[in-house]
N, C-alpha and C. Protein backbone atom coordinates (compact mmCIF):
# COMPACT_ATOMS: atom_id res chain seq x y z
N MET A 1 -62.37 31.98 5.34
CA MET A 1 -63.46 31.84 6.26
C MET A 1 -64.77 32.03 5.49
N THR A 2 -65.75 31.23 5.80
CA THR A 2 -67.04 31.28 5.13
C THR A 2 -67.99 32.22 5.86
N SER A 3 -68.76 32.99 5.10
CA SER A 3 -69.77 33.88 5.68
C SER A 3 -71.14 33.22 5.61
N LEU A 4 -71.93 33.44 6.64
CA LEU A 4 -73.31 32.96 6.68
C LEU A 4 -74.23 34.16 6.78
N ILE A 5 -75.16 34.27 5.88
CA ILE A 5 -76.13 35.35 5.93
C ILE A 5 -77.51 34.71 5.86
N PHE A 6 -78.34 34.98 6.87
CA PHE A 6 -79.69 34.44 6.85
C PHE A 6 -80.61 35.33 7.68
N LYS A 7 -81.88 35.28 7.33
CA LYS A 7 -82.88 36.08 8.04
C LYS A 7 -83.41 35.28 9.22
N VAL A 8 -83.55 35.97 10.35
CA VAL A 8 -84.06 35.32 11.55
C VAL A 8 -85.09 36.23 12.22
N ASN A 9 -85.85 35.67 13.11
CA ASN A 9 -86.81 36.42 13.91
C ASN A 9 -86.06 37.51 14.68
N ASP A 10 -86.68 38.67 14.89
CA ASP A 10 -86.04 39.79 15.60
C ASP A 10 -85.59 39.42 17.01
N LYS A 11 -86.17 38.40 17.58
CA LYS A 11 -85.84 37.96 18.93
C LYS A 11 -84.45 37.30 18.99
N ILE A 12 -84.02 36.67 17.90
CA ILE A 12 -82.77 35.92 17.88
C ILE A 12 -81.55 36.80 18.14
N PRO A 13 -81.39 37.95 17.46
CA PRO A 13 -80.22 38.79 17.76
C PRO A 13 -80.17 39.24 19.23
N LYS A 14 -81.33 39.51 19.81
CA LYS A 14 -81.37 39.89 21.22
C LYS A 14 -80.91 38.74 22.11
N GLU A 15 -81.32 37.53 21.77
CA GLU A 15 -80.91 36.36 22.54
C GLU A 15 -79.41 36.10 22.37
N LEU A 16 -78.90 36.29 21.15
CA LEU A 16 -77.46 36.15 20.93
C LEU A 16 -76.68 37.16 21.77
N ASP A 17 -77.17 38.40 21.81
CA ASP A 17 -76.51 39.43 22.60
C ASP A 17 -76.54 39.08 24.09
N LEU A 18 -77.63 38.51 24.56
CA LEU A 18 -77.74 38.10 25.95
C LEU A 18 -76.73 37.00 26.27
N ILE A 19 -76.65 36.01 25.41
CA ILE A 19 -75.67 34.92 25.60
C ILE A 19 -74.26 35.48 25.56
N GLN A 20 -74.01 36.36 24.61
CA GLN A 20 -72.68 36.99 24.47
C GLN A 20 -72.29 37.69 25.77
N GLU A 21 -73.20 38.45 26.33
CA GLU A 21 -72.93 39.19 27.56
C GLU A 21 -72.72 38.26 28.75
N GLU A 22 -73.60 37.28 28.88
CA GLU A 22 -73.53 36.37 30.03
C GLU A 22 -72.29 35.47 29.99
N GLU A 23 -71.85 35.09 28.81
CA GLU A 23 -70.70 34.20 28.68
C GLU A 23 -69.38 34.97 28.48
N GLY A 24 -69.47 36.28 28.35
CA GLY A 24 -68.26 37.09 28.19
C GLY A 24 -67.60 36.89 26.84
N LEU A 25 -68.40 36.73 25.81
CA LEU A 25 -67.88 36.49 24.46
C LEU A 25 -67.70 37.81 23.74
N GLY A 26 -66.80 37.84 22.75
CA GLY A 26 -66.44 39.09 22.10
C GLY A 26 -67.46 39.66 21.13
N ASN A 27 -68.09 38.81 20.34
CA ASN A 27 -69.02 39.30 19.33
C ASN A 27 -70.02 38.19 18.98
N ARG A 28 -70.89 38.49 18.03
CA ARG A 28 -71.90 37.49 17.67
C ARG A 28 -71.29 36.27 16.99
N THR A 29 -70.21 36.47 16.26
CA THR A 29 -69.55 35.32 15.63
C THR A 29 -69.03 34.36 16.69
N SER A 30 -68.38 34.88 17.71
CA SER A 30 -67.88 34.01 18.77
C SER A 30 -69.04 33.38 19.54
N THR A 31 -70.15 34.10 19.65
CA THR A 31 -71.33 33.57 20.33
C THR A 31 -71.92 32.41 19.54
N LEU A 32 -72.03 32.57 18.24
CA LEU A 32 -72.55 31.48 17.40
C LEU A 32 -71.61 30.28 17.44
N THR A 33 -70.31 30.53 17.40
CA THR A 33 -69.32 29.45 17.49
C THR A 33 -69.46 28.73 18.83
N PHE A 34 -69.62 29.49 19.92
CA PHE A 34 -69.82 28.92 21.25
C PHE A 34 -71.04 28.00 21.25
N LEU A 35 -72.14 28.46 20.66
CA LEU A 35 -73.37 27.66 20.65
C LEU A 35 -73.21 26.38 19.86
N VAL A 36 -72.52 26.44 18.75
CA VAL A 36 -72.29 25.24 17.94
C VAL A 36 -71.44 24.24 18.72
N LYS A 37 -70.36 24.73 19.34
CA LYS A 37 -69.49 23.83 20.11
C LYS A 37 -70.22 23.27 21.33
N TYR A 38 -71.02 24.10 21.98
CA TYR A 38 -71.82 23.64 23.12
C TYR A 38 -72.77 22.53 22.69
N TYR A 39 -73.37 22.69 21.52
CA TYR A 39 -74.29 21.68 21.00
C TYR A 39 -73.57 20.33 20.86
N PHE A 40 -72.40 20.35 20.23
CA PHE A 40 -71.69 19.09 20.01
C PHE A 40 -71.14 18.52 21.31
N LEU A 41 -70.76 19.38 22.24
CA LEU A 41 -70.25 18.90 23.52
C LEU A 41 -71.34 18.20 24.32
N THR A 42 -72.56 18.71 24.22
CA THR A 42 -73.64 18.14 25.00
C THR A 42 -74.31 16.95 24.32
N LYS A 43 -73.92 16.64 23.11
CA LYS A 43 -74.43 15.43 22.48
C LYS A 43 -73.90 14.24 23.27
N LYS A 44 -74.66 13.17 23.35
CA LYS A 44 -74.31 12.04 24.21
C LYS A 44 -72.89 11.53 23.98
N SER A 45 -72.52 11.27 22.74
CA SER A 45 -71.19 10.68 22.51
C SER A 45 -70.09 11.65 22.88
N SER A 46 -70.26 12.93 22.55
CA SER A 46 -69.23 13.92 22.89
C SER A 46 -69.13 14.09 24.40
N LEU A 47 -70.27 14.10 25.07
CA LEU A 47 -70.27 14.27 26.52
C LEU A 47 -69.61 13.07 27.19
N ASP A 48 -69.91 11.86 26.71
CA ASP A 48 -69.27 10.66 27.26
C ASP A 48 -67.76 10.72 27.08
N GLN A 49 -67.31 11.16 25.90
CA GLN A 49 -65.87 11.28 25.66
C GLN A 49 -65.25 12.30 26.60
N SER A 50 -65.92 13.42 26.81
CA SER A 50 -65.41 14.46 27.70
C SER A 50 -65.30 13.95 29.13
N ILE A 51 -66.29 13.19 29.56
CA ILE A 51 -66.26 12.62 30.91
C ILE A 51 -65.09 11.65 31.05
N GLN A 52 -64.86 10.83 30.04
CA GLN A 52 -63.74 9.89 30.09
C GLN A 52 -62.40 10.63 30.16
N ILE A 53 -62.27 11.70 29.40
CA ILE A 53 -61.03 12.49 29.42
C ILE A 53 -60.83 13.11 30.81
N MET A 54 -61.91 13.67 31.38
CA MET A 54 -61.80 14.28 32.71
C MET A 54 -61.46 13.22 33.77
N ASP A 55 -62.02 12.03 33.65
CA ASP A 55 -61.69 10.96 34.59
C ASP A 55 -60.21 10.61 34.52
N LYS A 56 -59.68 10.53 33.31
CA LYS A 56 -58.25 10.23 33.14
C LYS A 56 -57.38 11.33 33.75
N LEU A 57 -57.80 12.58 33.57
CA LEU A 57 -57.05 13.70 34.15
C LEU A 57 -57.10 13.67 35.67
N LEU A 58 -58.26 13.36 36.22
CA LEU A 58 -58.40 13.30 37.68
C LEU A 58 -57.54 12.19 38.27
N ASP A 59 -57.37 11.10 37.54
CA ASP A 59 -56.53 10.00 38.02
C ASP A 59 -55.07 10.43 38.16
N ARG A 60 -54.66 11.45 37.42
CA ARG A 60 -53.27 11.92 37.45
C ARG A 60 -53.00 12.92 38.57
N ILE A 61 -54.04 13.40 39.22
CA ILE A 61 -53.88 14.41 40.27
C ILE A 61 -53.70 13.73 41.61
N ASP A 62 -52.66 14.16 42.34
CA ASP A 62 -52.43 13.66 43.69
C ASP A 62 -53.21 14.55 44.66
N MET A 63 -54.36 14.07 45.09
CA MET A 63 -55.24 14.87 45.92
C MET A 63 -54.61 15.24 47.25
N SER A 64 -53.68 14.43 47.74
CA SER A 64 -53.05 14.72 49.04
C SER A 64 -52.17 15.96 48.97
N LYS A 65 -51.72 16.34 47.79
CA LYS A 65 -50.85 17.51 47.63
C LYS A 65 -51.61 18.80 47.36
N LEU A 66 -52.92 18.70 47.12
CA LEU A 66 -53.73 19.89 46.87
C LEU A 66 -54.02 20.62 48.17
N PRO A 67 -53.87 21.95 48.18
CA PRO A 67 -54.25 22.70 49.38
C PRO A 67 -55.76 22.65 49.58
N SER A 68 -56.18 22.88 50.80
CA SER A 68 -57.62 22.84 51.09
C SER A 68 -58.32 23.96 50.34
N ALA A 69 -59.63 23.83 50.21
CA ALA A 69 -60.41 24.87 49.52
C ALA A 69 -60.26 26.20 50.25
N LYS A 70 -60.23 26.18 51.57
CA LYS A 70 -60.08 27.39 52.37
C LYS A 70 -58.74 28.07 52.05
N GLU A 71 -57.68 27.29 51.95
CA GLU A 71 -56.35 27.84 51.63
C GLU A 71 -56.32 28.41 50.20
N GLN A 72 -57.00 27.74 49.28
CA GLN A 72 -57.02 28.21 47.89
C GLN A 72 -57.77 29.52 47.76
N LEU A 73 -58.75 29.75 48.62
CA LEU A 73 -59.60 30.94 48.51
C LEU A 73 -59.20 32.07 49.45
N LYS A 74 -58.13 31.90 50.22
CA LYS A 74 -57.79 32.92 51.22
C LYS A 74 -57.39 34.26 50.62
N ASP A 75 -56.90 34.29 49.39
CA ASP A 75 -56.49 35.54 48.75
C ASP A 75 -57.64 36.31 48.11
N ILE A 76 -58.79 35.70 48.11
CA ILE A 76 -59.93 36.34 47.43
C ILE A 76 -60.65 37.28 48.37
């Protein structure tokens, strides 16, 4: 595994900690990894591919067999 060491503005570690807390991530490394993956996911081509994959998955679901939202949430 490669290590990255670089100097950043004092505000950046605080922002990383905020993202880590809000997203429920384990540490700053996982937070940085999350941000990199989020960046590539939100790029136009990656997002288009993700949408196509989700469309294919939705085509495989038989909506008539899914319980209603009310039934799915009754245990909560």
